[in-house]
Amino acid sequence: MTFRGKTSNQCFDQGDDIYMTDTSPLKSHLKIFFDGSSNYMRTKLESSQKVTLEVYEESLSLAKDDLFAIEAKEKELANEVKSVKAEILVLQVVDQQTVLKKQLKELQGKKEFLN
């Protein structure tokens, strides 16, 4: 059957409306469109993931460098603290020796006075 030169498997016009009876070409075109779109999105996602991974690896590398620098500084400061504690201990010993020498002189003076 034909209508305005078109077969019934194509389409027919009724006023402003066009009715399709055979939608297989449209389905085929939609499948091609969505397959292409899916491939595009997959490629875009893979690219985005690659960039994200590269940024993550770079950030991790920078953090690792910072950590090593901080650990080195921490060791340096720990050694400095140890050195200062040793100096304080030496000064305390010297002060105690001075006090003990003074007390010894006082006791020797008292001993001589008593003799």
PDB file of N, CA and C in Angstrom:
ATOM      1  N   MET A   1       0.842  -1.165   0.000  1.00  0.00           N
ATOM      2  CA  MET A   1       0.000   0.000   0.000  1.00  0.00           C
ATOM      3  C   MET A   1       0.893   1.236   0.000  1.00  0.00           C
ATOM      4  N   THR A   2       0.535   2.246  -0.763  1.00  0.00           N
ATOM      5  CA  THR A   2       1.302   3.482  -0.828  1.00  0.00           C
ATOM      6  C   THR A   2       0.420   4.649  -0.436  1.00  0.00           C
ATOM      7  N   PHE A   3       1.054   5.662   0.128  1.00  0.00           N
ATOM      8  CA  PHE A   3       0.349   6.875   0.514  1.00  0.00           C
ATOM      9  C   PHE A   3       1.253   8.035   0.184  1.00  0.00           C
ATOM     10  N   ARG A   4       0.831   8.886  -0.729  1.00  0.00           N
ATOM     11  CA  ARG A   4       1.609  10.030  -1.206  1.00  0.00           C
ATOM     12  C   ARG A   4       3.010   9.595  -1.649  1.00  0.00           C
ATOM     13  N   GLY A   5       3.094   8.505  -2.289  1.00  0.00           N
ATOM     14  CA  GLY A   5       4.354   8.026  -2.826  1.00  0.00           C
ATOM     15  C   GLY A   5       5.208   7.268  -1.826  1.00  0.00           C
ATOM     16  N   LYS A   6       4.722   7.040  -0.623  1.00  0.00           N
ATOM     17  CA  LYS A   6       5.485   6.337   0.404  1.00  0.00           C
ATOM     18  C   LYS A   6       4.792   5.020   0.698  1.00  0.00           C
ATOM     19  N   THR A   7       5.603   4.015   0.984  1.00  0.00           N
ATOM     20  CA  THR A   7       5.015   2.729   1.329  1.00  0.00           C
ATOM     21  C   THR A   7       4.574   2.757   2.770  1.00  0.00           C
ATOM     22  N   SER A   8       3.775   1.804   3.152  1.00  0.00           N
ATOM     23  CA  SER A   8       3.270   1.769   4.523  1.00  0.00           C
ATOM     24  C   SER A   8       4.381   1.449   5.517  1.00  0.00           C
ATOM     25  N   ASN A   9       5.490   0.886   5.023  1.00  0.00           N
ATOM     26  CA  ASN A   9       6.614   0.616   5.916  1.00  0.00           C
ATOM     27  C   ASN A   9       7.434   1.870   6.184  1.00  0.00           C
ATOM     28  N   GLN A  10       7.195   2.931   5.469  1.00  0.00           N
ATOM     29  CA  GLN A  10       7.958   4.161   5.685  1.00  0.00           C
ATOM     30  C   GLN A  10       7.200   5.068   6.653  1.00  0.00           C
ATOM     31  N   CYS A  11       6.419   5.988   6.146  1.00  0.00           N
ATOM     32  CA  CYS A  11       5.684   6.875   7.037  1.00  0.00           C
ATOM     33  C   CYS A  11       4.479   7.434   6.311  1.00  0.00           C
ATOM     34  N   PHE A  12       3.565   7.967   7.048  1.00  0.00           N
ATOM     35  CA  PHE A  12       2.452   8.670   6.434  1.00  0.00           C
ATOM     36  C   PHE A  12       2.182   9.935   7.219  1.00  0.00           C
ATOM     37  N   ASP A  13       1.687  10.923   6.537  1.00  0.00           N
ATOM     38  CA  ASP A  13       1.487  12.259   7.073  1.00  0.00           C
ATOM     39  C   ASP A  13       0.009  12.455   7.326  1.00  0.00           C
ATOM     40  N   GLN A  14      -0.328  12.911   8.502  1.00  0.00           N
ATOM     41  CA  GLN A  14      -1.721  13.202   8.816  1.00  0.00           C
ATOM     42  C   GLN A  14      -1.739  14.582   9.466  1.00  0.00           C
ATOM     43  N   GLY A  15      -1.926  15.578   8.662  1.00  0.00           N
ATOM     44  CA  GLY A  15      -1.875  16.951   9.147  1.00  0.00           C
ATOM     45  C   GLY A  15      -0.430  17.315   9.431  1.00  0.00           C
ATOM     46  N   ASP A  16      -0.187  17.801  10.658  1.00  0.00           N
ATOM     47  CA  ASP A  16       1.169  18.167  11.054  1.00  0.00           C
ATOM     48  C   ASP A  16       1.923  16.994  11.676  1.00  0.00           C
ATOM     49  N   ASP A  17       1.257  15.888  11.900  1.00  0.00           N
ATOM     50  CA  ASP A  17       1.873  14.737  12.558  1.00  0.00           C
ATOM     51  C   ASP A  17       2.410  13.758  11.529  1.00  0.00           C
ATOM     52  N   ILE A  18       3.591  13.235  11.798  1.00  0.00           N
ATOM     53  CA  ILE A  18       4.170  12.206  10.948  1.00  0.00           C
ATOM     54  C   ILE A  18       4.256  10.945  11.790  1.00  0.00           C
ATOM     55  N   TYR A  19       3.723   9.869  11.280  1.00  0.00           N
ATOM     56  CA  TYR A  19       3.720   8.605  12.002  1.00  0.00           C
ATOM     57  C   TYR A  19       4.672   7.644  11.328  1.00  0.00           C
ATOM     58  N   MET A  20       5.547   7.033  12.107  1.00  0.00           N
ATOM     59  CA  MET A  20       6.493   6.066  11.579  1.00  0.00           C
ATOM     60  C   MET A  20       5.957   4.675  11.871  1.00  0.00           C
ATOM     61  N   THR A  21       6.011   3.836  10.879  1.00  0.00           N
ATOM     62  CA  THR A  21       5.587   2.461  11.108  1.00  0.00           C
ATOM     63  C   THR A  21       6.779   1.530  11.213  1.00  0.00           C
ATOM     64  N   ASP A  22       7.892   1.860  10.554  1.00  0.00           N
ATOM     65  CA  ASP A  22       9.091   1.022  10.619  1.00  0.00           C
ATOM     66  C   ASP A  22      10.174   1.819  11.339  1.00  0.00           C
ATOM     67  N   THR A  23      10.442   1.468  12.585  1.00  0.00           N
ATOM     68  CA  THR A  23      11.397   2.229  13.399  1.00  0.00           C
ATOM     69  C   THR A  23      12.779   1.593  13.444  1.00  0.00           C
ATOM     70  N   SER A  24      12.983   0.511  12.733  1.00  0.00           N
ATOM     71  CA  SER A  24      14.283  -0.162  12.797  1.00  0.00           C
ATOM     72  C   SER A  24      15.436   0.730  12.332  1.00  0.00           C
ATOM     73  N   PRO A  25      15.290   1.578  11.291  1.00  0.00           N
ATOM     74  CA  PRO A  25      16.407   2.462  10.950  1.00  0.00           C
ATOM     75  C   PRO A  25      16.728   3.449  12.078  1.00  0.00           C
ATOM     76  N   LEU A  26      15.689   3.945  12.720  1.00  0.00           N
ATOM     77  CA  LEU A  26      15.921   4.864  13.846  1.00  0.00           C
ATOM     78  C   LEU A  26      16.618   4.150  14.998  1.00  0.00           C
ATOM     79  N   LYS A  27      16.188   2.937  15.281  1.00  0.00           N
ATOM     80  CA  LYS A  27      16.826   2.162  16.345  1.00  0.00           C
ATOM     81  C   LYS A  27      18.292   1.936  16.020  1.00  0.00           C
ATOM     82  N   SER A  28      18.563   1.637  14.770  1.00  0.00           N
ATOM     83  CA  SER A  28      19.943   1.416  14.336  1.00  0.00           C
ATOM     84  C   SER A  28      20.770   2.685  14.516  1.00  0.00           C
ATOM     85  N   HIS A  29      20.209   3.825  14.109  1.00  0.00           N
ATOM     86  CA  HIS A  29      20.920   5.101  14.261  1.00  0.00           C
ATOM     87  C   HIS A  29      21.125   5.455  15.736  1.00  0.00           C
ATOM     88  N   LEU A  30      20.110   5.207  16.550  1.00  0.00           N
ATOM     89  CA  LEU A  30      20.240   5.481  17.982  1.00  0.00           C
ATOM     90  C   LEU A  30      21.305   4.589  18.618  1.00  0.00           C
ATOM     91  N   LYS A  31      21.333   3.326  18.219  1.00  0.00           N
ATOM     92  CA  LYS A  31      22.346   2.405  18.743  1.00  0.00           C
ATOM     93  C   LYS A  31      23.742   2.900  18.383  1.00  0.00           C
ATOM     94  N   ILE A  32      23.936   3.295  17.131  1.00  0.00           N
ATOM     95  CA  ILE A  32      25.230   3.816  16.694  1.00  0.00           C
ATOM     96  C   ILE A  32      25.591   5.070  17.495  1.00  0.00           C
ATOM     97  N   PHE A  33      24.604   5.963  17.675  1.00  0.00           N
ATOM     98  CA  PHE A  33      24.833   7.199  18.424  1.00  0.00           C
ATOM     99  C   PHE A  33      25.249   6.903  19.869  1.00  0.00           C
ATOM    100  N   PHE A  34      24.475   6.048  20.551  1.00  0.00           N
ATOM    101  CA  PHE A  34      24.758   5.772  21.954  1.00  0.00           C
ATOM    102  C   PHE A  34      26.024   4.942  22.135  1.00  0.00           C
ATOM    103  N   ASP A  35      26.331   4.053  21.192  1.00  0.00           N
ATOM    104  CA  ASP A  35      27.596   3.317  21.258  1.00  0.00           C
ATOM    105  C   ASP A  35      28.768   4.288  21.130  1.00  0.00           C
ATOM    106  N   GLY A  36      28.658   5.203  20.182  1.00  0.00           N
ATOM    107  CA  GLY A  36      29.708   6.217  20.017  1.00  0.00           C
ATOM    108  C   GLY A  36      29.823   7.091  21.249  1.00  0.00           C
ATOM    109  N   SER A  37      28.685   7.464  21.798  1.00  0.00           N
ATOM    110  CA  SER A  37      28.664   8.288  23.004  1.00  0.00           C
ATOM    111  C   SER A  37      29.292   7.529  24.172  1.00  0.00           C
ATOM    112  N   SER A  38      28.976   6.250  24.279  1.00  0.00           N
ATOM    113  CA  SER A  38      29.551   5.430  25.354  1.00  0.00           C
ATOM    114  C   SER A  38      31.063   5.334  25.207  1.00  0.00           C
ATOM    115  N   ASN A  39      31.527   5.130  23.982  1.00  0.00           N
ATOM    116  CA  ASN A  39      32.970   5.062  23.746  1.00  0.00           C
ATOM    117  C   ASN A  39      33.641   6.385  24.104  1.00  0.00           C
ATOM    118  N   TYR A  40      33.001   7.482  23.737  1.00  0.00           N
ATOM    119  CA  TYR A  40      33.533   8.806  24.055  1.00  0.00           C
ATOM    120  C   TYR A  40      33.619   8.997  25.569  1.00  0.00           C
ATOM    121  N   MET A  41      32.547   8.661  26.268  1.00  0.00           N
ATOM    122  CA  MET A  41      32.522   8.839  27.721  1.00  0.00           C
ATOM    123  C   MET A  41      33.560   7.937  28.396  1.00  0.00           C
ATOM    124  N   ARG A  42      33.709   6.710  27.907  1.00  0.00           N
ATOM    125  CA  ARG A  42      34.687   5.786  28.475  1.00  0.00           C
ATOM    126  C   ARG A  42      36.107   6.343  28.281  1.00  0.00           C
ATOM    127  N   THR A  43      36.384   6.830  27.073  1.00  0.00           N
ATOM    128  CA  THR A  43      37.700   7.408  26.783  1.00  0.00           C
ATOM    129  C   THR A  43      37.945   8.645  27.640  1.00  0.00           C
ATOM    130  N   LYS A  44      36.924   9.488  27.762  1.00  0.00           N
ATOM    131  CA  LYS A  44      37.044  10.698  28.580  1.00  0.00           C
ATOM    132  C   LYS A  44      37.288  10.329  30.044  1.00  0.00           C
ATOM    133  N   LEU A  45      36.576   9.329  30.542  1.00  0.00           N
ATOM    134  CA  LEU A  45      36.740   8.890  31.924  1.00  0.00           C
ATOM    135  C   LEU A  45      38.133   8.313  32.144  1.00  0.00           C
ATOM    136  N   GLU A  46      38.604   7.490  31.216  1.00  0.00           N
ATOM    137  CA  GLU A  46      39.943   6.912  31.338  1.00  0.00           C
ATOM    138  C   GLU A  46      41.002   8.010  31.341  1.00  0.00           C
ATOM    139  N   SER A  47      40.826   8.997  30.478  1.00  0.00           N
ATOM    140  CA  SER A  47      41.766  10.119  30.425  1.00  0.00           C
ATOM    141  C   SER A  47      41.738  10.895  31.738  1.00  0.00           C
ATOM    142  N   SER A  48      40.541  11.129  32.242  1.00  0.00           N
ATOM    143  CA  SER A  48      40.385  11.857  33.500  1.00  0.00           C
ATOM    144  C   SER A  48      41.012  11.072  34.649  1.00  0.00           C
ATOM    145  N   GLN A  49      40.798   9.758  34.653  1.00  0.00           N
ATOM    146  CA  GLN A  49      41.378   8.925  35.705  1.00  0.00           C
ATOM    147  C   GLN A  49      42.899   8.930  35.617  1.00  0.00           C
ATOM    148  N   LYS A  50      43.430   8.931  34.397  1.00  0.00           N
ATOM    149  CA  LYS A  50      44.879   8.956  34.214  1.00  0.00           C
ATOM    150  C   LYS A  50      45.455  10.262  34.760  1.00  0.00           C
ATOM    151  N   VAL A  51      44.801  11.382  34.431  1.00  0.00           N
ATOM    152  CA  VAL A  51      45.254  12.686  34.923  1.00  0.00           C
ATOM    153  C   VAL A  51      45.158  12.716  36.446  1.00  0.00           C
ATOM    154  N   THR A  52      44.058  12.205  36.992  1.00  0.00           N
ATOM    155  CA  THR A  52      43.878  12.173  38.439  1.00  0.00           C
ATOM    156  C   THR A  52      44.972  11.336  39.090  1.00  0.00           C
ATOM    157  N   LEU A  53      45.289  10.198  38.503  1.00  0.00           N
ATOM    158  CA  LEU A  53      46.339   9.334  39.037  1.00  0.00           C
ATOM    159  C   LEU A  53      47.694  10.030  38.981  1.00  0.00           C
ATOM    160  N   GLU A  54      47.971  10.726  37.885  1.00  0.00           N
ATOM    161  CA  GLU A  54      49.243  11.444  37.761  1.00  0.00           C
ATOM    162  C   GLU A  54      49.348  12.550  38.808  1.00  0.00           C
ATOM    163  N   VAL A  55      48.267  13.287  39.022  1.00  0.00           N
ATOM    164  CA  VAL A  55      48.261  14.353  40.033  1.00  0.00           C
ATOM    165  C   VAL A  55      48.448  13.743  41.422  1.00  0.00           C
ATOM    166  N   TYR A  56      47.771  12.621  41.674  1.00  0.00           N
ATOM    167  CA  TYR A  56      47.896  11.939  42.964  1.00  0.00           C
ATOM    168  C   TYR A  56      49.337  11.483  43.189  1.00  0.00           C
ATOM    169  N   GLU A  57      49.945  10.881  42.158  1.00  0.00           N
ATOM    170  CA  GLU A  57      51.324  10.407  42.287  1.00  0.00           C
ATOM    171  C   GLU A  57      52.291  11.567  42.516  1.00  0.00           C
ATOM    172  N   GLU A  58      52.071  12.680  41.829  1.00  0.00           N
ATOM    173  CA  GLU A  58      52.928  13.854  42.024  1.00  0.00           C
ATOM    174  C   GLU A  58      52.768  14.407  43.441  1.00  0.00           C
ATOM    175  N   SER A  59      51.523  14.481  43.916  1.00  0.00           N
ATOM    176  CA  SER A  59      51.271  14.964  45.278  1.00  0.00           C
ATOM    177  C   SER A  59      51.917  14.038  46.300  1.00  0.00           C
ATOM    178  N   LEU A  60      51.818  12.737  46.050  1.00  0.00           N
ATOM    179  CA  LEU A  60      52.417  11.757  46.945  1.00  0.00           C
ATOM    180  C   LEU A  60      53.935  11.908  46.974  1.00  0.00           C
ATOM    181  N   SER A  61      54.525  12.145  45.820  1.00  0.00           N
ATOM    182  CA  SER A  61      55.975  12.339  45.734  1.00  0.00           C
ATOM    183  C   SER A  61      56.399  13.589  46.504  1.00  0.00           C
ATOM    184  N   LEU A  62      55.654  14.678  46.342  1.00  0.00           N
ATOM    185  CA  LEU A  62      55.965  15.913  47.070  1.00  0.00           C
ATOM    186  C   LEU A  62      55.811  15.718  48.577  1.00  0.00           C
ATOM    187  N   ALA A  63      54.758  15.013  48.975  1.00  0.00           N
ATOM    188  CA  ALA A  63      54.540  14.750  50.399  1.00  0.00           C
ATOM    189  C   ALA A  63      55.675  13.896  50.961  1.00  0.00           C
ATOM    190  N   LYS A  64      56.133  12.925  50.171  1.00  0.00           N
ATOM    191  CA  LYS A  64      57.242  12.066  50.593  1.00  0.00           C
ATOM    192  C   LYS A  64      58.514  12.897  50.782  1.00  0.00           C
ATOM    193  N   ASP A  65      58.786  13.794  49.833  1.00  0.00           N
ATOM    194  CA  ASP A  65      59.954  14.675  49.954  1.00  0.00           C
ATOM    195  C   ASP A  65      59.856  15.547  51.202  1.00  0.00           C
ATOM    196  N   ASP A  66      58.658  16.099  51.439  1.00  0.00           N
ATOM    197  CA  ASP A  66      58.449  16.924  52.631  1.00  0.00           C
ATOM    198  C   ASP A  66      58.663  16.108  53.903  1.00  0.00           C
ATOM    199  N   LEU A  67      58.179  14.876  53.896  1.00  0.00           N
ATOM    200  CA  LEU A  67      58.328  14.014  55.064  1.00  0.00           C
ATOM    201  C   LEU A  67      59.801  13.745  55.353  1.00  0.00           C
ATOM    202  N   PHE A  68      60.574  13.444  54.310  1.00  0.00           N
ATOM    203  CA  PHE A  68      62.007  13.204  54.506  1.00  0.00           C
ATOM    204  C   PHE A  68      62.705  14.459  55.030  1.00  0.00           C
ATOM    205  N   ALA A  69      62.334  15.618  54.511  1.00  0.00           N
ATOM    206  CA  ALA A  69      62.930  16.875  54.975  1.00  0.00           C
ATOM    207  C   ALA A  69      62.577  17.127  56.441  1.00  0.00           C
ATOM    208  N   ILE A  70      61.339  16.855  56.803  1.00  0.00           N
ATOM    209  CA  ILE A  70      60.901  17.061  58.189  1.00  0.00           C
ATOM    210  C   ILE A  70      61.610  16.083  59.121  1.00  0.00           C
ATOM    211  N   GLU A  71      61.759  14.826  58.679  1.00  0.00           N
ATOM    212  CA  GLU A  71      62.463  13.842  59.508  1.00  0.00           C
ATOM    213  C   GLU A  71      63.918  14.255  59.729  1.00  0.00           C
ATOM    214  N   ALA A  72      64.568  14.766  58.685  1.00  0.00           N
ATOM    215  CA  ALA A  72      65.955  15.222  58.819  1.00  0.00           C
ATOM    216  C   ALA A  72      66.034  16.393  59.797  1.00  0.00           C
ATOM    217  N   LYS A  73      65.099  17.338  59.683  1.00  0.00           N
ATOM    218  CA  LYS A  73      65.066  18.495  60.587  1.00  0.00           C
ATOM    219  C   LYS A  73      64.797  18.039  62.021  1.00  0.00           C
ATOM    220  N   GLU A  74      63.910  17.047  62.171  1.00  0.00           N
ATOM    221  CA  GLU A  74      63.595  16.528  63.502  1.00  0.00           C
ATOM    222  C   GLU A  74      64.838  15.895  64.144  1.00  0.00           C
ATOM    223  N   LYS A  75      65.608  15.131  63.364  1.00  0.00           N
ATOM    224  CA  LYS A  75      66.843  14.527  63.888  1.00  0.00           C
ATOM    225  C   LYS A  75      67.840  15.611  64.290  1.00  0.00           C
ATOM    226  N   GLU A  76      67.937  16.635  63.445  1.00  0.00           N
ATOM    227  CA  GLU A  76      68.847  17.745  63.739  1.00  0.00           C
ATOM    228  C   GLU A  76      68.451  18.433  65.045  1.00  0.00           C
ATOM    229  N   LEU A  77      67.157  18.699  65.210  1.00  0.00           N
ATOM    230  CA  LEU A  77      66.684  19.360  66.433  1.00  0.00           C
ATOM    231  C   LEU A  77      66.847  18.455  67.650  1.00  0.00           C
ATOM    232  N   ALA A  78      66.635  17.142  67.477  1.00  0.00           N
ATOM    233  CA  ALA A  78      66.811  16.204  68.588  1.00  0.00           C
ATOM    234  C   ALA A  78      68.266  16.196  69.047  1.00  0.00           C
ATOM    235  N   ASN A  79      69.190  16.227  68.094  1.00  0.00           N
ATOM    236  CA  ASN A  79      70.616  16.284  68.450  1.00  0.00           C
ATOM    237  C   ASN A  79      70.955  17.592  69.156  1.00  0.00           C
ATOM    238  N   GLU A  80      70.345  18.674  68.699  1.00  0.00           N
ATOM    239  CA  GLU A  80      70.575  19.978  69.329  1.00  0.00           C
ATOM    240  C   GLU A  80      70.052  19.976  70.767  1.00  0.00           C
ATOM    241  N   VAL A  81      68.870  19.400  70.970  1.00  0.00           N
ATOM    242  CA  VAL A  81      68.293  19.316  72.318  1.00  0.00           C
ATOM    243  C   VAL A  81      69.193  18.471  73.215  1.00  0.00           C
ATOM    244  N   LYS A  82      69.682  17.351  72.672  1.00  0.00           N
ATOM    245  CA  LYS A  82      70.581  16.482  73.443  1.00  0.00           C
ATOM    246  C   LYS A  82      71.851  17.239  73.840  1.00  0.00           C
ATOM    247  N   SER A  83      72.379  18.028  72.927  1.00  0.00           N
ATOM    248  CA  SER A  83      73.586  18.816  73.194  1.00  0.00           C
ATOM    249  C   SER A  83      73.328  19.863  74.275  1.00  0.00           C
ATOM    250  N   VAL A  84      72.189  20.536  74.187  1.00  0.00           N
ATOM    251  CA  VAL A  84      71.842  21.560  75.184  1.00  0.00           C
ATOM    252  C   VAL A  84      71.659  20.917  76.558  1.00  0.00           C
ATOM    253  N   LYS A  85      71.015  19.746  76.603  1.00  0.00           N
ATOM    254  CA  LYS A  85      70.837  19.050  77.885  1.00  0.00           C
ATOM    255  C   LYS A  85      72.193  18.681  78.486  1.00  0.00           C
ATOM    256  N   ALA A  86      73.109  18.233  77.633  1.00  0.00           N
ATOM    257  CA  ALA A  86      74.452  17.882  78.117  1.00  0.00           C
ATOM    258  C   ALA A  86      75.155  19.117  78.672  1.00  0.00           C
ATOM    259  N   GLU A  87      75.024  20.250  77.993  1.00  0.00           N
ATOM    260  CA  GLU A  87      75.637  21.498  78.477  1.00  0.00           C
ATOM    261  C   GLU A  87      75.042  21.907  79.821  1.00  0.00           C
ATOM    262  N   ILE A  88      73.728  21.781  79.931  1.00  0.00           N
ATOM    263  CA  ILE A  88      73.056  22.130  81.195  1.00  0.00           C
ATOM    264  C   ILE A  88      73.551  21.225  82.312  1.00  0.00           C
ATOM    265  N   LEU A  89      73.681  19.944  82.017  1.00  0.00           N
ATOM    266  CA  LEU A  89      74.165  18.992  83.015  1.00  0.00           C
ATOM    267  C   LEU A  89      75.587  19.346  83.454  1.00  0.00           C
ATOM    268  N   VAL A  90      76.437  19.699  82.499  1.00  0.00           N
ATOM    269  CA  VAL A  90      77.814  20.103  82.819  1.00  0.00           C
ATOM    270  C   VAL A  90      77.799  21.351  83.695  1.00  0.00           C
ATOM    271  N   LEU A  91      76.962  22.320  83.342  1.00  0.00           N
ATOM    272  CA  LEU A  91      76.879  23.556  84.138  1.00  0.00           C
ATOM    273  C   LEU A  91      76.381  23.265  85.548  1.00  0.00           C
ATOM    274  N   GLN A  92      75.423  22.349  85.671  1.00  0.00           N
ATOM    275  CA  GLN A  92      74.920  21.992  86.999  1.00  0.00           C
ATOM    276  C   GLN A  92      76.020  21.330  87.824  1.00  0.00           C
ATOM    277  N   VAL A  93      76.801  20.466  87.189  1.00  0.00           N
ATOM    278  CA  VAL A  93      77.904  19.803  87.894  1.00  0.00           C
ATOM    279  C   VAL A  93      78.942  20.834  88.324  1.00  0.00           C
ATOM    280  N   VAL A  94      79.272  21.764  87.423  1.00  0.00           N
ATOM    281  CA  VAL A  94      80.246  22.820  87.754  1.00  0.00           C
ATOM    282  C   VAL A  94      79.721  23.670  88.904  1.00  0.00           C
ATOM    283  N   ASP A  95      78.428  24.019  88.858  1.00  0.00           N
ATOM    284  CA  ASP A  95      77.834  24.805  89.948  1.00  0.00           C
ATOM    285  C   ASP A  95      77.892  24.030  91.260  1.00  0.00           C
ATOM    286  N   GLN A  96      77.585  22.737  91.209  1.00  0.00           N
ATOM    287  CA  GLN A  96      77.639  21.925  92.426  1.00  0.00           C
ATOM    288  C   GLN A  96      79.073  21.839  92.946  1.00  0.00           C
ATOM    289  N   GLN A  97      80.033  21.709  92.022  1.00  0.00           N
ATOM    290  CA  GLN A  97      81.435  21.668  92.445  1.00  0.00           C
ATOM    291  C   GLN A  97      81.831  22.976  93.116  1.00  0.00           C
ATOM    292  N   THR A  98      81.380  24.083  92.559  1.00  0.00           N
ATOM    293  CA  THR A  98      81.688  25.397  93.127  1.00  0.00           C
ATOM    294  C   THR A  98      81.093  25.513  94.527  1.00  0.00           C
ATOM    295  N   VAL A  99      79.842  25.090  94.664  1.00  0.00           N
ATOM    296  CA  VAL A  99      79.176  25.149  95.972  1.00  0.00           C
ATOM    297  C   VAL A  99      79.897  24.241  96.962  1.00  0.00           C
ATOM    298  N   LEU A 100      80.254  23.034  96.518  1.00  0.00           N
ATOM    299  CA  LEU A 100      80.943  22.094  97.407  1.00  0.00           C
ATOM    300  C   LEU A 100      82.324  22.618  97.807  1.00  0.00           C
ATOM    301  N   LYS A 101      83.047  23.225  96.868  1.00  0.00           N
ATOM    302  CA  LYS A 101      84.356  23.811  97.190  1.00  0.00           C
ATOM    303  C   LYS A 101      84.209  24.926  98.211  1.00  0.00           C
ATOM    304  N   LYS A 102      83.176  25.739  98.041  1.00  0.00           N
ATOM    305  CA  LYS A 102      82.921  26.840  98.975  1.00  0.00           C
ATOM    306  C   LYS A 102      82.596  26.278 100.356  1.00  0.00           C
ATOM    307  N   GLN A 103      81.738  25.239 100.387  1.00  0.00           N
ATOM    308  CA  GLN A 103      81.387  24.622 101.663  1.00  0.00           C
ATOM    309  C   GLN A 103      82.619  23.979 102.308  1.00  0.00           C
ATOM    310  N   LEU A 104      83.475  23.365 101.470  1.00  0.00           N
ATOM    311  CA  LEU A 104      84.697  22.744 101.980  1.00  0.00           C
ATOM    312  C   LEU A 104      85.611  23.792 102.604  1.00  0.00           C
ATOM    313  N   LYS A 105      85.751  24.936 101.944  1.00  0.00           N
ATOM    314  CA  LYS A 105      86.580  26.021 102.486  1.00  0.00           C
ATOM    315  C   LYS A 105      86.017  26.514 103.815  1.00  0.00           C
ATOM    316  N   GLU A 106      84.686  26.637 103.880  1.00  0.00           N
ATOM    317  CA  GLU A 106      84.045  27.086 105.121  1.00  0.00           C
ATOM    318  C   GLU A 106      84.306  26.088 106.244  1.00  0.00           C
ATOM    319  N   LEU A 107      84.183  24.793 105.914  1.00  0.00           N
ATOM    320  CA  LEU A 107      84.413  23.765 106.929  1.00  0.00           C
ATOM    321  C   LEU A 107      85.880  23.745 107.367  1.00  0.00           C
ATOM    322  N   GLN A 108      86.782  23.940 106.391  1.00  0.00           N
ATOM    323  CA  GLN A 108      88.208  23.991 106.736  1.00  0.00           C
ATOM    324  C   GLN A 108      88.497  25.206 107.618  1.00  0.00           C
ATOM    325  N   GLY A 109      87.841  26.314 107.314  1.00  0.00           N
ATOM    326  CA  GLY A 109      88.006  27.520 108.137  1.00  0.00           C
ATOM    327  C   GLY A 109      87.487  27.282 109.542  1.00  0.00           C
ATOM    328  N   LYS A 110      86.359  26.608 109.697  1.00  0.00           N
ATOM    329  CA  LYS A 110      85.797  26.309 111.013  1.00  0.00           C
ATOM    330  C   LYS A 110      86.713  25.339 111.757  1.00  0.00           C
ATOM    331  N   LYS A 111      87.288  24.381 111.016  1.00  0.00           N
ATOM    332  CA  LYS A 111      88.179  23.394 111.628  1.00  0.00           C
ATOM    333  C   LYS A 111      89.416  24.092 112.188  1.00  0.00           C
ATOM    334  N   GLU A 112      89.985  25.001 111.407  1.00  0.00           N
ATOM    335  CA  GLU A 112      91.161  25.743 111.859  1.00  0.00           C
ATOM    336  C   GLU A 112      90.814  26.628 113.053  1.00  0.00           C
ATOM    337  N   PHE A 113      89.615  27.198 113.015  1.00  0.00           N
ATOM    338  CA  PHE A 113      89.177  28.056 114.101  1.00  0.00           C
ATOM    339  C   PHE A 113      89.025  27.244 115.388  1.00  0.00           C
ATOM    340  N   LEU A 114      88.523  26.009 115.243  1.00  0.00           N
ATOM    341  CA  LEU A 114      88.311  25.163 116.404  1.00  0.00           C
ATOM    342  C   LEU A 114      89.633  24.583 116.916  1.00  0.00           C
ATOM    343  N   ASN A 115      90.606  24.458 116.088  1.00  0.00           N
ATOM    344  CA  ASN A 115      91.901  23.908 116.522  1.00  0.00           C
ATOM    345  C   ASN A 115      92.689  24.957 117.186  1.00  0.00           C
TER     346      ASN A 115
END
